[in-house]
Protein backbone atom coordinates (compact mmCIF):
# COMPACT_ATOMS: atom_id res chain seq x y z
CA ARG A 1 -102.06 35.47 -44.81
CA ALA A 2 -104.15 32.30 -45.06
CA GLU A 3 -101.40 29.81 -44.38
CA ILE A 4 -100.60 31.44 -40.92
CA GLN A 5 -103.00 31.44 -38.04
CA HIS A 6 -102.50 34.03 -35.28
CA LYS A 7 -103.95 32.93 -32.03
CA GLU A 8 -103.83 33.11 -28.27
CA VAL A 9 -102.75 29.90 -26.62
CA GLU A 10 -103.25 28.65 -23.04
CA HIS A 11 -100.38 28.55 -20.59
CA ARG A 12 -98.82 25.00 -20.57
CA SER A 13 -100.79 23.87 -23.66
CA PRO A 14 -98.96 22.00 -26.43
CA ASP A 15 -98.72 25.20 -28.52
CA TYR A 16 -97.43 27.08 -25.57
CA GLU A 17 -94.75 24.48 -25.07
CA LYS A 18 -93.79 24.80 -28.74
CA ALA A 19 -93.57 28.59 -28.39
CA LEU A 20 -91.53 28.17 -25.26
CA ASP A 21 -89.13 25.99 -27.16
CA LEU A 22 -88.82 28.73 -29.81
CA ARG A 23 -88.23 31.40 -27.23
CA ASP A 24 -85.64 29.24 -25.55
CA ARG A 25 -83.72 28.58 -28.73
CA VAL A 26 -83.88 32.18 -30.09
CA LEU A 27 -83.82 34.35 -26.94
CA ARG A 28 -82.40 32.36 -24.02
CA ALA A 29 -79.90 29.84 -25.28
CA PRO A 30 -77.70 32.37 -27.15
CA LEU A 31 -77.22 34.14 -23.71
CA SER A 32 -76.65 30.75 -21.92
CA LEU A 33 -79.90 31.33 -19.97
CA ASP A 34 -82.40 28.77 -18.88
CA PHE A 35 -85.97 29.33 -17.82
CA THR A 36 -86.53 28.64 -14.16
CA LYS A 37 -89.69 26.87 -12.82
CA GLU A 38 -90.62 30.15 -11.04
CA GLN A 39 -90.37 32.18 -14.33
CA LEU A 40 -92.53 29.67 -16.22
CA ASP A 41 -95.11 29.49 -13.38
CA ALA A 42 -95.23 33.29 -13.39
CA GLU A 43 -96.25 33.21 -17.11
CA SER A 44 -99.66 31.80 -16.16
CA ASP A 45 -100.89 35.39 -15.75
CA GLU A 46 -99.60 36.42 -19.22
CA THR A 47 -101.25 36.27 -22.60
CA HIS A 48 -99.36 33.99 -25.02
CA LEU A 49 -99.70 34.60 -28.70
CA VAL A 50 -98.39 32.53 -31.69
CA ALA A 51 -98.22 32.52 -35.48
CA LYS A 52 -98.87 28.94 -36.40
CA SER A 53 -98.43 27.32 -39.82
CA VAL A 54 -100.97 25.00 -41.36
CA SER A 55 -98.56 22.14 -40.61
CA GLY A 56 -98.71 23.02 -36.82
CA ASP A 57 -95.22 24.71 -36.55
CA ILE A 58 -94.99 27.78 -34.32
CA LEU A 59 -93.19 30.36 -36.49
CA ALA A 60 -93.38 33.33 -34.15
CA THR A 61 -94.47 34.10 -30.69
CA ALA A 62 -95.01 36.92 -28.19
CA CYS A 63 -96.17 37.40 -24.60
CA LEU A 64 -98.23 40.24 -23.06
CA VAL A 65 -98.11 41.20 -19.33
CA TRP A 66 -101.06 43.30 -18.24
CA THR A 67 -99.31 45.94 -16.18
CA ASP A 68 -102.30 48.12 -15.30
CA GLU A 69 -105.65 49.36 -16.62
CA THR A 70 -104.13 51.28 -19.49
CA THR A 71 -100.85 49.53 -20.30
CA ALA A 72 -99.39 46.22 -21.40
CA LYS A 73 -95.77 45.05 -21.71
CA LEU A 74 -94.83 43.20 -24.83
CA ARG A 75 -92.16 40.58 -24.19
CA GLN A 76 -90.42 37.47 -25.49
CA VAL A 77 -91.01 38.24 -29.18
CA ALA A 78 -89.30 35.53 -31.23
CA VAL A 79 -89.39 34.41 -34.81
CA GLU A 80 -88.21 30.96 -36.10
CA PRO A 81 -84.80 31.71 -37.74
CA ASP A 82 -85.72 29.88 -40.99
CA SER A 83 -88.84 32.09 -41.23
CA ARG A 84 -87.20 35.48 -40.78
CA GLY A 85 -87.70 38.04 -43.45
CA LEU A 86 -91.29 37.00 -44.16
CA GLY A 87 -92.89 39.72 -42.04
CA LEU A 88 -93.84 37.33 -39.16
CA GLY A 89 -92.21 39.58 -36.51
CA GLU A 90 -94.30 42.54 -37.59
CA GLU A 91 -97.38 40.32 -37.83
CA ILE A 92 -96.99 38.90 -34.24
CA VAL A 93 -96.38 42.44 -32.86
CA ARG A 94 -99.45 43.84 -34.65
CA PHE A 95 -101.54 40.91 -33.41
CA ALA A 96 -100.35 41.63 -29.88
CA GLU A 97 -101.23 45.30 -30.30
CA SER A 98 -104.68 44.33 -31.46
CA ARG A 99 -105.13 42.19 -28.24
CA VAL A 100 -104.13 45.18 -26.17
CA ALA A 101 -106.66 47.40 -27.94
CA LEU A 102 -109.34 44.71 -27.49
CA SER A 103 -108.64 44.67 -23.72
CA GLY A 104 -109.40 48.45 -23.63
CA ARG A 105 -105.75 49.48 -22.92
CA SER A 106 -104.14 52.29 -24.85
CA SER A 107 -100.46 51.74 -24.39
CA VAL A 108 -97.83 49.09 -25.16
CA TYR A 109 -94.20 49.08 -24.22
CA CYS A 110 -91.26 46.65 -24.41
CA HIS A 111 -87.71 46.35 -23.38
CA ALA A 112 -85.60 45.54 -26.55
CA ARG A 113 -82.16 44.24 -27.11
CA HIS A 114 -79.86 46.66 -28.98
CA THR A 115 -79.94 44.34 -32.00
CA VAL A 116 -83.69 44.74 -32.54
CA ILE A 117 -84.26 48.45 -31.81
CA GLY A 118 -84.42 49.22 -35.44
CA PHE A 119 -87.19 46.63 -35.89
CA TYR A 120 -89.34 48.21 -33.17
CA GLU A 121 -88.61 51.77 -34.47
CA LYS A 122 -89.82 50.69 -37.94
CA LEU A 123 -93.09 49.66 -36.32
CA GLY A 124 -93.48 53.08 -34.68
CA TYR A 125 -92.03 52.48 -31.24
CA LYS A 126 -89.90 55.09 -29.64
CA ILE A 127 -86.86 54.81 -27.39
CA ILE A 128 -87.69 56.03 -23.90
CA GLY A 129 -85.13 55.88 -21.06
CA THR A 130 -81.55 54.68 -21.06
CA SER A 131 -79.78 51.50 -21.86
CA PHE A 132 -79.58 48.82 -19.19
CA GLU A 133 -78.04 45.34 -18.69
């Protein structure tokens, strides 16, 4: 899709801050949670990915945690509410998977909220383990 650029952004860069705002609005605020300074500082070791419009808006975002030599954890996947239904969630997940493959790793996992399990199953993810709070 030519009007959307998928890219990796630096921790604390302007695009990271826009992605952080999206994650806060979509993932944290509905649960009355705030990011702590420690949590944000810890993200310096993560890979931050965005789907950016030509106008500069961050429409989707995801983070990757490099857990070991073969595995990465996908986390904090969020899509701008006004842009849902356009395939951006799948695009950002597939972009993240491509980054994992480029790193030489062969496995990706995530912890998903009950409300999005179907989304991940549609992308080929399997439920492993039991539910937790």
